[in-house]
Amino acid sequence: MSRRQLHLNINILHSGFSPAAWRMEGSDPRASFDINHYIKVAGIAERGTFDAVFLADQAAISDRIDFRPLTSLEPTIVLAIVAASTERIGLIGTASTTYNEPYNIARRFATLDHARGGRAGWNIVTSADLAQSRNFGLEKPVDHASRYERAGEFAAVVKALWDSWEEEAFVGDVATGRFVDPGRVHPIAHTGKHFCVHGPHNIPRPPQGHPVLVQAGGSDDGRALAAEHAEAVFSASQSFEESLDYARDLRRRATRYGRSENSILVLAGLATIIGSTEAEARRRQEELRDLIPLEYSLARLAGVLQVDQKKLELDKPLPEAIPLPADGGHTFFHATLALARRQGLTVRGLIRALNGGTGHRTIVGTPAAIADDIETWFTAGAADGFNLMPDVLPHGLEVFVDEVVPILRRRGLFRHEYTGRTLRDHLGLTRPHNPYASAAE
């Protein structure tokens, strides 16, 4: 039996995970709007033989743009340009099921997969914030249950569209003049609660069969969506035990859909602050913290928890009763609250522990210490890999690739070179079976 392979993605969060990354020496304040920044970061990650680059998305201004960069460029367009400048690294982009239509998303990601020979992945998300809702004609977010019900049907329609062309549908026979065999191109004739899509797709089946399906959601509805459709999941667990429980729960759920427990990869979010010594790493952490305005961090925390900022007293613990947001994002709510309760933090202490973030785990230390932490989580099955978020880009990624990756390789945990060309190859995922193949046999 072959040894498990560690997986690493780079989450290109504009200038870096820290809200103050754009202010650090050597950073470019315009990086979040500069396509060359994304190309450069992707190139560094490919040099480190990472599985994929990942881009989040936000179709609104939902943060304090007076204090930090924002997520603004449309992911699939950025990834198409990055694809032309790279050879092997996968390309995972976010697209919301709340404010898109299945046919458009199926076509967009199939095109990206065709463009560079099978490197695309779709991060399936729902959208919960008010700012995005108002940009799409709604006065309040769609309720949580309805968002996920729509997302499940959305994913099923997209997969059906990708499967609507049989593998042999394209003929391209110059001699006979037969371009496509229409008998091998099938309408999907979908009529459901949220969508009515006749099909078929207008593009041949993607090189990977399906672009890799990724999901990020910690709520019960989010886990159900992942268990049915996802092949990789981005998690936000703050502790080893929490991540181990999450992975076990997700795999149990997958079996209810007739899937193998090993059919879903759990990729934990991991922010890193690296120094040549522990003291140097801590100094870097403090420097970044000191550059983040307290006003910003407090407002961001209130937004994640969906509480009135006036109820957050800096030198006291969080209020005892904080209700789960009815229609807000549950993943970072749970991760943030769990961190505060587990460590008994005051609001000020929680803000410092989050390093200006929204709930992802942060490790601070030397390259060897970072590698030790990754190995512990990986070998125990708490994660199959990590969605990496360096403090500052591109510098934090360069240090990781040049100093952490060699340690992981020496320990036999991570590849020395790419052995395949598609994202499925990198992740060790099988190519989805086309349902029409069985009927033709």
Protein backbone atom coordinates (compact mmCIF):
# COMPACT_ATOMS: atom_id res chain seq x y z
CA MET A 1 0.00 0.00 0.00
CA SER A 2 1.35 3.42 -0.95
CA ARG A 3 2.04 5.91 1.82
CA ARG A 4 -0.40 8.79 2.34
CA GLN A 5 0.67 11.96 0.58
CA LEU A 6 0.50 15.31 2.34
CA HIS A 7 -1.40 17.98 0.41
CA LEU A 8 -0.63 21.70 0.40
CA ASN A 9 -2.57 24.54 -1.19
CA ILE A 10 -1.74 28.23 -1.10
CA ASN A 11 -4.65 30.51 -0.28
CA ILE A 12 -3.73 33.78 -2.01
CA LEU A 13 -5.33 36.21 0.42
CA HIS A 14 -4.25 39.37 -1.42
CA SER A 15 -1.20 40.70 0.52
CA GLY A 16 -1.28 37.93 3.14
CA PHE A 17 -3.29 36.51 6.01
CA SER A 18 -2.55 39.41 8.33
CA PRO A 19 -4.69 42.53 7.79
CA ALA A 20 -1.43 44.50 8.19
CA ALA A 21 0.49 42.51 5.55
CA TRP A 22 0.26 45.32 3.01
CA ARG A 23 2.12 47.64 5.42
CA MET A 24 5.15 45.41 5.90
CA GLU A 25 8.51 46.27 4.34
CA GLY A 26 8.75 44.80 0.85
CA SER A 27 4.98 44.48 0.41
CA ASP A 28 3.13 46.14 -2.45
CA PRO A 29 0.01 47.99 -1.23
CA ARG A 30 -1.57 47.49 -4.67
CA ALA A 31 -0.96 43.72 -4.73
CA SER A 32 -4.63 42.76 -4.30
CA PHE A 33 -5.47 44.50 -7.60
CA ASP A 34 -2.34 43.42 -9.50
CA ILE A 35 -2.58 40.22 -11.56
CA ASN A 36 1.21 39.93 -11.55
CA HIS A 37 1.09 39.45 -7.77
CA TYR A 38 -1.06 36.33 -8.21
CA ILE A 39 1.17 35.03 -10.99
CA LYS A 40 4.26 35.47 -8.81
CA VAL A 41 2.72 33.74 -5.79
CA ALA A 42 1.47 30.86 -7.94
CA GLY A 43 4.93 30.47 -9.44
CA ILE A 44 6.51 30.18 -5.98
CA ALA A 45 3.91 27.61 -4.95
CA GLU A 46 4.53 25.59 -8.11
CA ARG A 47 8.26 25.64 -7.37
CA GLY A 48 7.31 24.09 -4.05
CA THR A 49 5.18 21.45 -5.84
CA PHE A 50 1.99 22.58 -4.09
CA ASP A 51 -1.22 20.88 -5.16
CA ALA A 52 -3.09 24.08 -5.99
CA VAL A 53 -3.56 27.79 -5.61
CA PHE A 54 -6.87 28.80 -4.08
CA LEU A 55 -8.82 32.05 -4.44
CA ALA A 56 -11.69 33.06 -2.20
CA ASP A 57 -14.35 35.46 -3.43
CA GLN A 58 -16.53 38.26 -2.11
CA ALA A 59 -18.89 40.08 -4.47
CA ALA A 60 -19.20 43.10 -2.22
CA ILE A 61 -17.24 45.37 0.08
CA SER A 62 -17.76 43.57 3.36
CA ASP A 63 -14.69 44.71 5.27
CA ARG A 64 -13.05 47.96 6.39
CA ILE A 65 -11.35 49.11 3.20
CA ASP A 66 -9.93 52.10 5.06
CA PHE A 67 -7.73 49.63 6.98
CA ARG A 68 -6.90 46.70 4.70
CA PRO A 69 -7.01 45.27 1.14
CA LEU A 70 -10.13 43.46 -0.01
CA THR A 71 -11.00 40.40 -2.04
CA SER A 72 -12.11 41.94 -5.30
CA LEU A 73 -10.81 40.34 -8.52
CA GLU A 74 -13.06 37.63 -9.99
CA PRO A 75 -11.36 34.27 -9.25
CA THR A 76 -11.87 32.35 -12.49
CA ILE A 77 -10.52 35.20 -14.61
CA VAL A 78 -7.46 35.51 -12.36
CA LEU A 79 -6.94 31.74 -12.45
CA ALA A 80 -7.19 31.63 -16.24
CA ILE A 81 -4.32 34.13 -16.44
CA VAL A 82 -2.36 32.28 -13.75
CA ALA A 83 -2.91 29.04 -15.68
CA ALA A 84 -1.16 30.49 -18.73
CA SER A 85 1.90 31.28 -16.59
CA THR A 86 2.17 27.90 -14.83
CA GLU A 87 2.40 24.28 -15.93
CA ARG A 88 1.25 21.87 -13.21
CA ILE A 89 -0.25 23.56 -10.17
CA GLY A 90 -4.00 23.19 -9.66
CA LEU A 91 -6.40 26.16 -9.86
CA ILE A 92 -9.23 26.27 -7.31
CA GLY A 93 -11.67 29.15 -7.50
CA THR A 94 -14.68 30.08 -5.39
CA ALA A 95 -18.12 30.62 -6.90
CA SER A 96 -21.25 31.09 -4.81
CA THR A 97 -24.36 29.02 -5.40
CA THR A 98 -26.47 31.79 -3.88
CA TYR A 99 -25.94 34.43 -6.57
CA ASN A 100 -25.07 32.41 -9.67
CA GLU A 101 -26.81 29.93 -11.96
CA PRO A 102 -25.68 26.31 -12.50
CA TYR A 103 -25.23 26.56 -16.26
CA ASN A 104 -22.91 29.57 -16.02
CA ILE A 105 -20.76 27.98 -13.32
CA ALA A 106 -20.59 24.61 -15.10
CA ARG A 107 -19.45 26.36 -18.25
CA ARG A 108 -16.95 28.62 -16.49
CA PHE A 109 -15.13 25.82 -14.68
CA ALA A 110 -15.31 23.41 -17.61
CA THR A 111 -13.65 26.10 -19.73
CA LEU A 112 -10.91 26.58 -17.13
CA ASP A 113 -10.36 22.82 -16.98
CA HIS A 114 -10.10 22.56 -20.77
CA ALA A 115 -7.83 25.60 -20.99
CA ARG A 116 -4.85 23.95 -19.29
CA GLY A 117 -5.47 20.21 -19.48
CA GLY A 118 -7.35 19.45 -16.29
CA ARG A 119 -6.19 21.65 -13.41
CA ALA A 120 -9.44 23.28 -12.26
CA GLY A 121 -11.34 23.00 -9.00
CA TRP A 122 -14.57 24.67 -7.84
CA ASN A 123 -14.99 25.76 -4.22
CA ILE A 124 -18.72 25.52 -3.57
CA VAL A 125 -19.94 28.16 -1.14
CA THR A 126 -23.14 29.87 -0.09
CA SER A 127 -23.26 33.61 0.63
CA ALA A 128 -24.60 34.87 3.93
CA ASP A 129 -23.67 38.53 4.34
CA LEU A 130 -25.93 41.53 3.88
CA ALA A 131 -23.56 43.46 1.59
CA GLN A 132 -23.60 40.76 -1.08
CA SER A 133 -27.35 40.29 -0.74
CA ARG A 134 -27.94 43.97 -1.52
CA ASN A 135 -25.71 43.76 -4.58
CA PHE A 136 -28.03 41.07 -5.98
CA GLY A 137 -31.35 42.78 -5.33
CA LEU A 138 -32.15 41.39 -1.87
CA GLU A 139 -32.67 43.38 1.32
CA LYS A 140 -31.48 40.55 3.58
CA PRO A 141 -29.49 37.33 3.21
CA VAL A 142 -31.20 34.15 2.10
CA ASP A 143 -31.94 32.00 5.17
CA HIS A 144 -29.38 29.32 6.04
CA ALA A 145 -31.47 26.24 5.27
CA SER A 146 -32.64 27.60 1.91
CA ARG A 147 -29.07 28.52 0.90
CA TYR A 148 -27.86 24.99 1.45
CA GLU A 149 -30.91 23.38 -0.11
CA ARG A 150 -30.25 25.48 -3.21
CA ALA A 151 -26.53 24.65 -3.08
CA GLY A 152 -27.19 20.91 -3.07
CA GLU A 153 -29.45 21.11 -6.11
CA PHE A 154 -27.01 23.53 -7.77
CA ALA A 155 -24.09 21.09 -7.41
CA ALA A 156 -26.16 18.20 -8.74
CA VAL A 157 -27.15 20.19 -11.84
CA VAL A 158 -23.56 21.27 -12.51
CA LYS A 159 -22.33 17.68 -12.34
CA ALA A 160 -25.13 16.53 -14.64
CA LEU A 161 -24.15 19.19 -17.18
CA TRP A 162 -20.49 18.09 -17.09
CA ASP A 163 -21.66 14.52 -17.67
CA SER A 164 -24.04 15.40 -20.52
CA TRP A 165 -21.36 14.71 -23.13
CA GLU A 166 -20.12 11.15 -23.36
CA GLU A 167 -16.38 10.70 -23.66
CA GLU A 168 -16.68 9.75 -27.35
CA ALA A 169 -19.17 12.48 -28.28
CA PHE A 170 -16.58 14.59 -30.06
CA VAL A 171 -15.68 12.97 -33.38
CA GLY A 172 -13.83 15.58 -35.42
CA ASP A 173 -13.54 13.31 -38.45
CA VAL A 174 -12.30 15.48 -41.31
CA ALA A 175 -12.78 12.75 -43.91
CA THR A 176 -16.45 12.09 -43.15
CA GLY A 177 -17.31 15.60 -42.08
CA ARG A 178 -18.78 14.38 -38.81
CA PHE A 179 -17.91 16.84 -36.04
CA VAL A 180 -19.93 15.60 -33.02
CA ASP A 181 -22.06 12.49 -32.52
CA PRO A 182 -25.35 14.05 -31.28
CA GLY A 183 -26.50 10.66 -30.02
CA ARG A 184 -23.81 10.90 -27.35
CA VAL A 185 -24.83 14.38 -26.17
CA HIS A 186 -27.72 14.25 -23.71
CA PRO A 187 -30.17 16.82 -22.32
CA ILE A 188 -30.29 16.68 -18.53
CA ALA A 189 -33.96 17.77 -18.39
CA HIS A 190 -33.67 18.91 -14.78
CA THR A 191 -36.72 20.34 -13.05
CA GLY A 192 -36.34 20.96 -9.34
CA LYS A 193 -37.36 23.31 -6.58
CA HIS A 194 -34.74 25.95 -7.42
CA PHE A 195 -33.70 25.29 -11.02
CA CYS A 196 -35.09 24.23 -14.36
CA VAL A 197 -32.22 23.39 -16.72
CA HIS A 198 -32.77 21.48 -19.92
CA GLY A 199 -29.20 21.15 -21.14
CA PRO A 200 -27.11 19.62 -22.54
CA HIS A 201 -23.91 21.50 -21.89
CA ASN A 202 -22.37 23.26 -24.89
CA ILE A 203 -18.81 22.10 -24.19
CA PRO A 204 -17.37 18.56 -24.12
CA ARG A 205 -16.88 16.80 -20.80
CA PRO A 206 -13.94 18.40 -18.92
CA PRO A 207 -10.53 16.69 -19.04
CA GLN A 208 -10.90 15.64 -15.39
CA GLY A 209 -14.46 14.45 -15.93
CA HIS A 210 -15.45 16.97 -13.28
CA PRO A 211 -13.23 19.79 -12.06
CA VAL A 212 -12.41 18.89 -8.45
CA LEU A 213 -15.28 19.79 -6.13
CA VAL A 214 -14.23 21.59 -2.96
CA GLN A 215 -16.42 22.86 -0.12
CA ALA A 216 -15.92 24.92 3.02
CA GLY A 217 -18.63 24.81 5.65
CA GLY A 218 -18.68 23.80 9.28
CA SER A 219 -22.43 23.88 9.94
CA ASP A 220 -24.55 20.73 9.89
CA ASP A 221 -25.95 21.76 6.50
CA GLY A 222 -22.45 22.50 5.23
CA ARG A 223 -21.18 19.10 6.32
CA ALA A 224 -24.14 17.41 4.62
CA LEU A 225 -23.37 19.26 1.38
CA ALA A 226 -19.72 18.23 1.61
CA ALA A 227 -20.56 14.61 2.39
CA GLU A 228 -22.70 14.34 -0.73
CA HIS A 229 -20.66 16.31 -3.25
CA ALA A 230 -17.21 17.45 -2.09
CA GLU A 231 -13.91 15.73 -2.84
CA ALA A 232 -11.89 18.08 -0.66
CA VAL A 233 -13.03 20.26 2.24
CA PHE A 234 -11.42 23.38 3.67
CA SER A 235 -11.88 23.35 7.44
CA ALA A 236 -11.29 25.98 10.11
CA SER A 237 -10.58 23.82 13.16
CA GLN A 238 -8.64 25.57 15.90
CA SER A 239 -7.49 22.47 17.79
CA PHE A 240 -6.16 19.02 16.95
CA GLU A 241 -9.07 17.26 18.68
CA GLU A 242 -11.64 19.45 16.95
CA SER A 243 -10.11 18.74 13.55
CA LEU A 244 -9.94 15.00 14.23
CA ASP A 245 -13.61 14.94 15.24
CA TYR A 246 -14.54 17.00 12.18
CA ALA A 247 -12.70 14.62 9.81
CA ARG A 248 -14.31 11.55 11.40
CA ASP A 249 -17.78 13.08 11.27
CA LEU A 250 -17.40 14.08 7.63
CA ARG A 251 -16.23 10.61 6.63
CA ARG A 252 -19.10 8.93 8.47
CA ARG A 253 -21.54 11.21 6.68
CA ALA A 254 -19.99 10.36 3.30
CA THR A 255 -20.84 6.68 3.76
CA ARG A 256 -24.53 7.59 3.97
CA TYR A 257 -24.30 8.66 0.33
CA GLY A 258 -22.66 5.39 -0.68
CA ARG A 259 -19.21 6.98 -0.74
CA SER A 260 -15.98 5.65 0.68
CA GLU A 261 -14.66 7.21 3.92
CA ASN A 262 -11.49 8.04 2.00
CA SER A 263 -13.32 9.88 -0.80
CA ILE A 264 -13.01 13.29 0.91
CA LEU A 265 -9.76 15.07 1.75
CA VAL A 266 -9.78 17.36 4.78
CA LEU A 267 -7.54 20.40 4.24
CA ALA A 268 -7.27 22.48 7.39
CA GLY A 269 -6.75 26.23 7.22
CA LEU A 270 -3.31 27.12 8.55
CA ALA A 271 -1.85 30.60 8.95
CA THR A 272 1.92 30.70 9.44
CA ILE A 273 4.36 33.23 10.90
CA ILE A 274 7.90 31.93 10.45
CA GLY A 275 11.23 33.10 11.88
CA SER A 276 14.73 31.63 11.95
CA THR A 277 14.31 31.39 15.74
CA GLU A 278 11.25 31.24 17.98
CA ALA A 279 12.05 34.74 19.26
CA GLU A 280 12.30 36.12 15.73
CA ALA A 281 8.94 34.60 14.79
CA ARG A 282 7.34 36.10 17.89
CA ARG A 283 8.79 39.51 17.11
CA ARG A 284 7.32 39.29 13.61
CA GLN A 285 3.95 38.33 15.08
CA GLU A 286 4.04 41.33 17.43
CA GLU A 287 5.06 43.67 14.62
CA LEU A 288 2.09 42.57 12.55
CA ARG A 289 -0.28 42.80 15.51
CA ASP A 290 0.88 46.32 16.34
CA LEU A 291 0.12 47.46 12.80
CA ILE A 292 -3.54 46.38 13.01
CA PRO A 293 -5.81 49.13 14.39
CA LEU A 294 -7.74 47.89 17.42
CA GLU A 295 -10.86 49.51 15.99
CA TYR A 296 -10.60 47.27 12.95
CA SER A 297 -10.04 44.05 14.92
CA LEU A 298 -12.95 44.76 17.26
CA ALA A 299 -15.34 45.48 14.39
CA ARG A 300 -14.20 42.34 12.56
CA LEU A 301 -14.74 40.18 15.65
CA ALA A 302 -18.21 41.63 16.18
CA GLY A 303 -19.02 40.86 12.55
CA VAL A 304 -17.90 37.23 12.80
CA LEU A 305 -19.93 36.68 15.99
CA GLN A 306 -22.86 38.80 14.76
CA VAL A 307 -23.03 40.75 18.02
CA ASP A 308 -23.29 44.44 18.80
CA GLN A 309 -19.75 45.76 19.09
CA LYS A 310 -20.77 47.71 22.21
CA LYS A 311 -21.24 44.39 24.03
CA LEU A 312 -17.59 43.44 23.57
CA GLU A 313 -15.57 44.73 26.51
CA LEU A 314 -11.85 44.49 25.78
CA ASP A 315 -10.69 43.22 29.16
CA LYS A 316 -13.56 40.86 29.84
CA PRO A 317 -14.47 37.48 28.32
CA LEU A 318 -17.02 37.27 25.55
CA PRO A 319 -20.65 37.51 26.68
CA GLU A 320 -21.94 34.21 28.08
CA ALA A 321 -24.81 33.80 25.65
CA ILE A 322 -23.90 34.38 22.01
CA PRO A 323 -26.56 32.84 19.76
CA LEU A 324 -25.66 31.09 16.55
CA PRO A 325 -26.38 33.54 13.69
CA ALA A 326 -29.63 32.49 12.08
CA ASP A 327 -28.48 33.34 8.57
CA GLY A 328 -24.81 34.21 8.99
CA GLY A 329 -21.66 32.20 8.43
CA HIS A 330 -21.36 29.34 10.93
CA THR A 331 -17.83 28.08 10.23
CA PHE A 332 -15.84 31.00 11.58
CA PHE A 333 -18.43 31.67 14.29
CA HIS A 334 -17.82 28.20 15.74
CA ALA A 335 -14.03 28.37 15.30
CA THR A 336 -13.74 31.79 16.96
CA LEU A 337 -16.04 30.99 19.85
CA ALA A 338 -14.31 27.65 20.47
CA LEU A 339 -10.91 29.35 20.67
CA ALA A 340 -12.16 31.95 23.15
CA ARG A 341 -13.92 29.44 25.42
CA ARG A 342 -11.16 26.82 25.35
CA GLN A 343 -8.42 29.26 26.33
CA GLY A 344 -10.54 31.48 28.59
CA LEU A 345 -9.59 34.59 26.62
CA THR A 346 -10.72 38.14 27.14
CA VAL A 347 -11.88 40.03 24.06
CA ARG A 348 -8.45 41.68 23.83
CA GLY A 349 -6.75 38.30 24.21
CA LEU A 350 -8.98 36.77 21.55
CA ILE A 351 -8.18 39.56 19.11
CA ARG A 352 -4.46 38.95 19.69
CA ALA A 353 -4.84 35.18 19.36
CA LEU A 354 -6.62 35.62 16.03
CA ASN A 355 -3.82 37.89 14.75
CA GLY A 356 -6.45 40.02 13.04
CA GLY A 357 -8.01 36.99 11.33
CA THR A 358 -11.44 35.39 11.56
CA GLY A 359 -10.85 31.97 13.09
CA HIS A 360 -8.15 30.06 11.24
CA ARG A 361 -5.45 28.45 13.34
CA THR A 362 -2.13 30.31 13.41
CA ILE A 363 1.22 28.73 14.23
CA VAL A 364 4.28 30.82 15.01
CA GLY A 365 7.78 29.42 15.04
CA THR A 366 10.82 28.10 13.20
CA PRO A 367 10.62 26.07 9.97
CA ALA A 368 11.27 22.88 11.96
CA ALA A 369 8.49 23.72 14.43
CA ILE A 370 6.06 24.40 11.60
CA ALA A 371 7.00 21.08 9.98
CA ASP A 372 6.56 19.25 13.31
CA ASP A 373 3.04 20.65 13.72
CA ILE A 374 2.06 19.72 10.17
CA GLU A 375 3.43 16.20 10.61
CA THR A 376 1.54 15.68 13.88
CA TRP A 377 -1.81 16.65 12.40
CA PHE A 378 -1.22 14.74 9.18
CA THR A 379 0.05 11.44 10.59
CA ALA A 380 -2.77 11.27 13.16
CA GLY A 381 -5.45 11.84 10.51
CA ALA A 382 -6.64 15.20 11.82
CA ALA A 383 -5.97 16.59 8.33
CA ASP A 384 -4.95 15.25 4.93
CA GLY A 385 -3.22 18.52 4.21
CA PHE A 386 -3.45 22.26 4.68
CA ASN A 387 -4.81 25.33 2.99
CA LEU A 388 -1.80 27.52 3.75
CA MET A 389 -2.15 31.23 4.55
CA PRO A 390 1.24 32.88 5.11
CA ASP A 391 1.25 36.08 7.14
CA VAL A 392 2.67 38.16 4.26
CA LEU A 393 2.78 37.39 0.54
CA PRO A 394 4.93 36.58 -1.28
CA HIS A 395 7.65 36.61 1.41
CA GLY A 396 5.93 34.24 3.86
CA LEU A 397 5.36 31.69 1.11
CA GLU A 398 8.96 31.92 -0.12
CA VAL A 399 10.21 31.10 3.39
CA PHE A 400 7.80 28.17 3.63
CA VAL A 401 8.82 26.76 0.24
CA ASP A 402 12.56 27.24 0.82
CA GLU A 403 12.73 26.15 4.47
CA VAL A 404 9.67 24.11 5.49
CA VAL A 405 9.04 22.10 2.33
CA PRO A 406 12.59 20.58 2.31
CA ILE A 407 12.00 19.30 5.86
CA LEU A 408 8.68 17.74 4.88
CA ARG A 409 10.37 16.09 1.91
CA ARG A 410 13.21 14.69 4.00
CA ARG A 411 10.64 13.16 6.32
CA GLY A 412 8.94 11.47 3.36
CA LEU A 413 5.72 13.40 3.81
CA PHE A 414 5.66 15.54 0.67
CA ARG A 415 6.49 15.08 -2.99
CA HIS A 416 9.82 16.10 -4.51
CA GLU A 417 8.24 16.62 -7.92
CA TYR A 418 4.89 16.40 -9.65
CA THR A 419 4.07 12.91 -10.92
CA GLY A 420 0.87 13.87 -12.75
CA ARG A 421 -0.52 16.78 -14.70
CA THR A 422 -4.07 17.24 -13.37
CA LEU A 423 -5.35 18.46 -10.03
CA ARG A 424 -6.91 15.02 -9.54
CA ASP A 425 -3.49 13.49 -10.04
CA HIS A 426 -1.99 15.76 -7.37
CA LEU A 427 -4.77 15.01 -4.88
CA GLY A 428 -4.93 11.29 -5.62
CA LEU A 429 -8.57 11.50 -6.69
CA THR A 430 -10.18 9.22 -9.24
CA ARG A 431 -11.85 10.50 -12.40
CA PRO A 432 -15.66 10.49 -12.00
CA HIS A 433 -17.48 7.83 -13.97
CA ASN A 434 -19.78 9.12 -16.70
CA PRO A 435 -23.22 7.57 -16.10
CA TYR A 436 -23.86 7.29 -19.83
CA ALA A 437 -20.87 4.97 -20.23
CA SER A 438 -22.70 2.14 -18.42
CA ALA A 439 -25.76 2.50 -20.65
CA ALA A 440 -23.62 2.27 -23.77
CA GLU A 441 -21.80 -0.88 -22.61
